[in-house]
Amino acid sequence: MIVLRWLERHLEEAICCLSLSVVACCVFLQVIMRYGFNSALQWTEEIAAIGMVWAVYMGASLCVRERFHIRILAGVLLLPRRLALATIVVADALWAAFSVFMLVVSVEYLGVLWKFTSRTPRLGIDEFYPQSILVIGYALILLRLIQIYVIWWRDGARSLPGMRPEQDIDMETGLQR
């Protein structure tokens, strides 16, 4: 139970940090090799690119969980409460629908990669494994969107979805709604 709770809270952060660390190490190693030894390592670019893609998708899921994604929340909070709620719910429903669409497309794409094996140019890694981030990323985004609404409903649906009550502030008066 403790491990599951830790994973629920830190999975995206851990993978994001690991991926960005790998990217930084590969780029640093490449700079040292090019300028220090006048040589280049072919594999570092490939690993850095894979690490960056994984960091982006894990970061997107993390931003959904923390509600840090691009959204003009200040404008939404200026709306009357019911309209603000409707705007957020509709936007999240569209986002969830897009995630479901991308999940379907990504699963089909991975099916093709599974059937017709393709390898990365330098390391010869089966493309199925690094590309699996598409399914993992969109599944986590969808899961985090659903989680926001489950928690919101469980807590009585008093504030706006994904916002803690102390964040739900009336922009005109500056008072908590």
Protein backbone atom coordinates (compact mmCIF):
# COMPACT_ATOMS: atom_id res chain seq x y z
CA MET A 1 0.00 0.00 0.00
CA ILE A 2 2.83 2.40 0.83
CA VAL A 3 4.54 1.64 -2.48
CA LEU A 4 1.30 2.27 -4.41
CA ARG A 5 0.75 5.55 -2.59
CA TRP A 6 4.33 6.60 -3.38
CA LEU A 7 3.89 5.65 -7.05
CA GLU A 8 0.60 7.55 -7.24
CA ARG A 9 2.29 10.64 -5.89
CA HIS A 10 5.76 10.45 -7.48
CA LEU A 11 5.73 8.18 -10.55
CA GLU A 12 5.78 10.96 -13.14
CA GLU A 13 8.30 13.00 -11.14
CA ALA A 14 10.68 10.04 -10.82
CA ILE A 15 10.54 9.11 -14.50
CA CYS A 16 10.81 12.77 -15.52
CA CYS A 17 13.86 13.34 -13.32
CA LEU A 18 15.51 10.14 -14.50
CA SER A 19 14.85 10.98 -18.15
CA LEU A 20 16.14 14.53 -17.83
CA SER A 21 19.21 13.28 -15.95
CA VAL A 22 19.95 10.85 -18.76
CA VAL A 23 19.52 13.65 -21.31
CA ALA A 24 21.84 15.96 -19.37
CA CYS A 25 24.50 13.26 -18.95
CA CYS A 26 24.37 12.31 -22.64
CA VAL A 27 24.64 15.92 -23.78
CA PHE A 28 27.45 16.63 -21.31
CA LEU A 29 29.31 13.51 -22.42
CA GLN A 30 28.89 14.50 -26.05
CA VAL A 31 30.26 18.00 -25.38
CA ILE A 32 33.27 16.56 -23.54
CA MET A 33 33.96 14.11 -26.36
CA ARG A 34 33.61 16.69 -29.13
CA TYR A 35 35.61 19.51 -27.57
CA GLY A 36 37.92 17.54 -25.33
CA PHE A 37 38.78 14.61 -27.56
CA ASN A 38 37.74 15.91 -31.00
CA SER A 39 35.55 12.85 -31.42
CA ALA A 40 31.83 12.13 -31.23
CA LEU A 41 29.76 9.42 -29.62
CA GLN A 42 27.00 8.33 -31.96
CA TRP A 43 24.69 6.77 -29.38
CA THR A 44 24.32 9.75 -27.02
CA GLU A 45 22.09 11.68 -29.41
CA GLU A 46 19.71 8.75 -29.72
CA ILE A 47 19.49 8.18 -25.97
CA ALA A 48 19.04 11.92 -25.33
CA ALA A 49 16.18 12.09 -27.85
CA ILE A 50 14.41 9.10 -26.30
CA GLY A 51 14.93 10.54 -22.81
CA MET A 52 13.53 13.91 -23.84
CA VAL A 53 10.37 12.38 -25.32
CA TRP A 54 9.81 10.34 -22.16
CA ALA A 55 10.35 13.46 -20.02
CA VAL A 56 7.83 15.43 -22.09
CA TYR A 57 5.05 12.84 -21.78
CA MET A 58 5.69 12.26 -18.08
CA GLY A 59 5.79 16.03 -17.57
CA ALA A 60 2.45 16.36 -19.35
CA SER A 61 0.90 13.79 -17.02
CA LEU A 62 2.47 15.52 -14.01
CA CYS A 63 1.03 18.84 -15.16
CA VAL A 64 -2.44 17.30 -15.40
CA ARG A 65 -2.15 15.92 -11.88
CA GLU A 66 -0.97 19.24 -10.47
CA ARG A 67 -3.18 21.35 -12.77
CA PHE A 68 -0.12 23.19 -14.13
CA HIS A 69 -1.04 22.76 -17.77
CA ILE A 70 -1.71 25.70 -20.05
CA ARG A 71 -5.05 27.15 -19.13
CA ILE A 72 -6.26 30.67 -18.71
CA LEU A 73 -7.47 30.01 -15.20
CA ALA A 74 -7.54 33.68 -14.25
CA GLY A 75 -10.10 34.25 -17.01
CA VAL A 76 -12.15 31.24 -15.94
CA LEU A 77 -12.21 32.44 -12.34
CA LEU A 78 -13.67 35.76 -13.51
CA LEU A 79 -16.72 33.91 -14.77
CA PRO A 80 -19.74 33.23 -12.58
CA ARG A 81 -19.26 30.00 -10.64
CA ARG A 82 -21.59 27.83 -12.74
CA LEU A 83 -20.11 29.07 -16.00
CA ALA A 84 -16.56 28.57 -14.67
CA LEU A 85 -17.45 25.02 -13.65
CA ALA A 86 -19.05 24.30 -17.04
CA THR A 87 -16.03 25.73 -18.87
CA ILE A 88 -13.59 23.57 -16.92
CA VAL A 89 -15.70 20.41 -17.26
CA VAL A 90 -16.19 20.89 -21.03
CA ALA A 91 -12.47 21.63 -21.54
CA ASP A 92 -11.50 18.55 -19.53
CA ALA A 93 -14.05 16.40 -21.41
CA LEU A 94 -12.56 17.52 -24.73
CA TRP A 95 -9.09 16.83 -23.40
CA ALA A 96 -10.16 13.36 -22.22
CA ALA A 97 -11.72 12.65 -25.63
CA PHE A 98 -8.46 13.70 -27.33
CA SER A 99 -6.51 11.44 -24.97
CA VAL A 100 -8.78 8.50 -25.77
CA PHE A 101 -8.35 9.18 -29.49
CA MET A 102 -4.57 9.34 -29.12
CA LEU A 103 -4.60 6.15 -27.04
CA VAL A 104 -6.42 4.31 -29.81
CA VAL A 105 -4.04 5.64 -32.47
CA SER A 106 -1.00 4.90 -30.29
CA VAL A 107 -2.10 1.32 -29.61
CA GLU A 108 -2.57 0.80 -33.36
CA TYR A 109 0.87 2.30 -33.99
CA LEU A 110 2.48 0.03 -31.40
CA GLY A 111 0.68 -2.90 -33.01
CA VAL A 112 2.36 -2.06 -36.30
CA LEU A 113 5.74 -1.72 -34.57
CA TRP A 114 5.20 -5.09 -32.88
CA LYS A 115 4.28 -6.76 -36.15
CA PHE A 116 6.94 -5.07 -38.28
CA THR A 117 10.00 -4.75 -36.09
CA SER A 118 11.99 -1.56 -36.52
CA ARG A 119 15.27 -0.78 -34.79
CA THR A 120 16.91 2.48 -33.81
CA PRO A 121 19.80 3.43 -36.12
CA ARG A 122 22.69 3.50 -33.63
CA LEU A 123 21.82 1.25 -30.72
CA GLY A 124 19.56 -1.21 -32.51
CA ILE A 125 16.86 -0.97 -29.84
CA ASP A 126 13.47 -2.28 -30.91
CA GLU A 127 11.43 0.91 -31.59
CA PHE A 128 8.43 -0.63 -29.84
CA TYR A 129 9.94 0.02 -26.40
CA PRO A 130 10.84 3.72 -26.61
CA GLN A 131 7.66 4.44 -28.59
CA SER A 132 5.52 2.80 -25.90
CA ILE A 133 5.65 6.16 -24.11
CA LEU A 134 2.79 7.24 -26.37
CA VAL A 135 0.41 4.74 -24.82
CA ILE A 136 1.86 5.17 -21.33
CA GLY A 137 1.76 8.97 -21.52
CA TYR A 138 -1.79 9.32 -22.84
CA ALA A 139 -3.05 6.62 -20.47
CA LEU A 140 -1.54 8.47 -17.51
CA ILE A 141 -2.98 11.78 -18.72
CA LEU A 142 -6.43 10.20 -18.99
CA LEU A 143 -6.02 8.48 -15.63
CA ARG A 144 -5.01 11.76 -13.96
CA LEU A 145 -7.99 13.57 -15.51
CA ILE A 146 -10.34 10.89 -14.18
CA GLN A 147 -8.58 10.99 -10.81
CA ILE A 148 -9.16 14.76 -10.55
CA TYR A 149 -12.90 14.27 -10.96
CA VAL A 150 -13.10 11.27 -8.61
CA ILE A 151 -11.34 13.27 -5.88
CA TRP A 152 -13.45 16.35 -6.64
CA TRP A 153 -16.68 14.32 -6.40
CA ARG A 154 -15.51 12.47 -3.26
CA ASP A 155 -14.72 15.80 -1.57
CA GLY A 156 -18.24 17.06 -2.18
CA ALA A 157 -17.69 18.98 -5.43
CA ARG A 158 -17.45 22.26 -3.54
CA SER A 159 -14.54 23.87 -5.36
CA LEU A 160 -13.71 23.73 -9.03
CA PRO A 161 -12.40 20.34 -10.29
CA GLY A 162 -8.72 19.91 -9.60
CA MET A 163 -8.47 22.94 -7.38
CA ARG A 164 -8.11 22.83 -3.67
CA PRO A 165 -10.74 24.94 -1.90
CA GLU A 166 -8.08 27.45 -0.83
CA GLN A 167 -7.23 27.99 -4.52
CA ASP A 168 -10.82 28.69 -5.52
CA ILE A 169 -10.84 32.46 -5.08
CA ASP A 170 -13.33 35.02 -6.32
CA MET A 171 -11.17 37.22 -8.54
CA GLU A 172 -13.27 40.35 -7.98
CA THR A 173 -13.37 40.34 -4.20
CA GLY A 174 -10.23 38.31 -3.55
CA LEU A 175 -12.26 36.17 -1.15
CA GLN A 176 -12.55 32.43 -1.12
CA ARG A 177 -15.66 31.23 -2.97
